Amino acid sequence: MMKSEISSKKLEELIIKENDFLGFKRIKTDKTIENYEKAFRSYRAAILKNKCELKFRSEQITELNTKVDDLKKKVHLFKTKTLYY
């Protein structure tokens, strides 16, 4: 299972700063936005993958629960038959 969280440190790493002609650090908006978009696409893809996995596992659980119920019924019938024979 993948566990990820957006921490402030990780978000800070996405911000691109470059020196301007006076030597002051300035945020490069276009590059920073591009980095955020990539990060959010990655998180969105992970969420979709986990959502599909959850749906698949839920379907498996439902199917297995149905099988368990059927087996319980068979066991009950078998016990009933053996008691009367």
Protein backbone atom coordinates (compact mmCIF):
# COMPACT_ATOMS: atom_id res chain seq x y z
CA MET A 1 0.00 0.00 0.00
CA MET A 2 1.21 3.41 -0.85
CA LYS A 3 0.87 6.03 1.84
CA SER A 4 1.61 9.57 0.85
CA GLU A 5 0.85 12.92 2.29
CA ILE A 6 1.52 16.42 1.13
CA SER A 7 3.80 17.90 3.74
CA SER A 8 4.77 21.53 3.83
CA LYS A 9 8.40 20.52 3.24
CA LYS A 10 7.50 18.62 0.07
CA LEU A 11 5.41 21.56 -1.15
CA GLU A 12 8.28 23.93 -0.42
CA GLU A 13 10.55 21.81 -2.63
CA LEU A 14 8.19 22.39 -5.57
CA ILE A 15 8.73 26.15 -5.45
CA ILE A 16 11.40 27.27 -7.92
CA LYS A 17 13.34 30.38 -6.91
CA GLU A 18 15.96 32.11 -9.00
CA ASN A 19 18.04 35.21 -8.48
CA ASP A 20 16.92 38.31 -10.36
CA PHE A 21 19.36 40.83 -11.82
CA LEU A 22 19.79 42.45 -8.38
CA GLY A 23 20.51 39.12 -6.72
CA PHE A 24 17.14 38.83 -4.96
CA LYS A 25 15.44 35.44 -4.89
CA ARG A 26 12.23 35.50 -6.93
CA ILE A 27 9.72 32.72 -7.38
CA LYS A 28 9.55 31.49 -10.97
CA THR A 29 5.77 31.24 -11.19
CA ASP A 30 5.57 29.25 -14.42
CA LYS A 31 8.05 26.58 -13.27
CA THR A 32 6.49 26.42 -9.80
CA ILE A 33 2.98 25.98 -11.21
CA GLU A 34 4.29 23.29 -13.55
CA ASN A 35 5.82 21.44 -10.58
CA TYR A 36 2.56 21.66 -8.61
CA GLU A 37 0.57 20.40 -11.61
CA LYS A 38 2.91 17.41 -11.96
CA ALA A 39 2.67 16.64 -8.25
CA PHE A 40 -1.13 16.85 -8.26
CA ARG A 41 -1.34 14.64 -11.38
CA SER A 42 0.80 12.11 -9.58
CA TYR A 43 -1.38 12.24 -6.46
CA ARG A 44 -4.54 12.00 -8.58
CA ALA A 45 -3.17 8.94 -10.39
CA ALA A 46 -2.32 7.30 -7.05
CA ILE A 47 -5.81 8.03 -5.72
CA LEU A 48 -7.45 6.55 -8.83
CA LYS A 49 -5.24 3.46 -8.58
CA ASN A 50 -6.14 3.04 -4.91
CA LYS A 51 -9.83 3.59 -5.71
CA CYS A 52 -9.72 0.82 -8.34
CA GLU A 53 -7.89 -1.47 -5.94
CA LEU A 54 -10.48 -0.78 -3.23
CA LYS A 55 -13.34 -1.51 -5.63
CA PHE A 56 -11.68 -4.78 -6.70
CA ARG A 57 -11.09 -5.85 -3.08
CA SER A 58 -14.66 -4.94 -2.10
CA GLU A 59 -15.99 -7.09 -4.92
CA GLN A 60 -13.76 -9.96 -3.78
CA ILE A 61 -15.02 -9.62 -0.21
CA THR A 62 -18.64 -9.64 -1.37
CA GLU A 63 -18.00 -12.73 -3.48
CA LEU A 64 -16.24 -14.53 -0.62
CA ASN A 65 -19.01 -13.62 1.82
CA THR A 66 -21.53 -15.14 -0.59
CA LYS A 67 -19.45 -18.33 -0.78
CA VAL A 68 -19.20 -18.48 3.01
CA ASP A 69 -22.97 -18.12 3.33
CA ASP A 70 -23.50 -20.90 0.77
CA LEU A 71 -21.07 -23.17 2.60
CA LYS A 72 -22.81 -22.48 5.92
CA LYS A 73 -26.11 -23.48 4.34
CA LYS A 74 -24.55 -26.70 2.97
CA VAL A 75 -23.05 -27.52 6.36
CA HIS A 76 -26.40 -26.92 8.03
CA LEU A 77 -28.14 -29.19 5.49
CA PHE A 78 -25.48 -31.85 5.93
CA LYS A 79 -25.85 -31.74 9.72
CA THR A 80 -29.62 -31.93 9.43
CA LYS A 81 -29.43 -34.93 7.08
CA THR A 82 -26.95 -36.81 9.26
CA LEU A 83 -29.06 -36.27 12.36
CA TYR A 84 -32.13 -37.83 10.77
CA TYR A 85 -30.40 -40.80 9.12
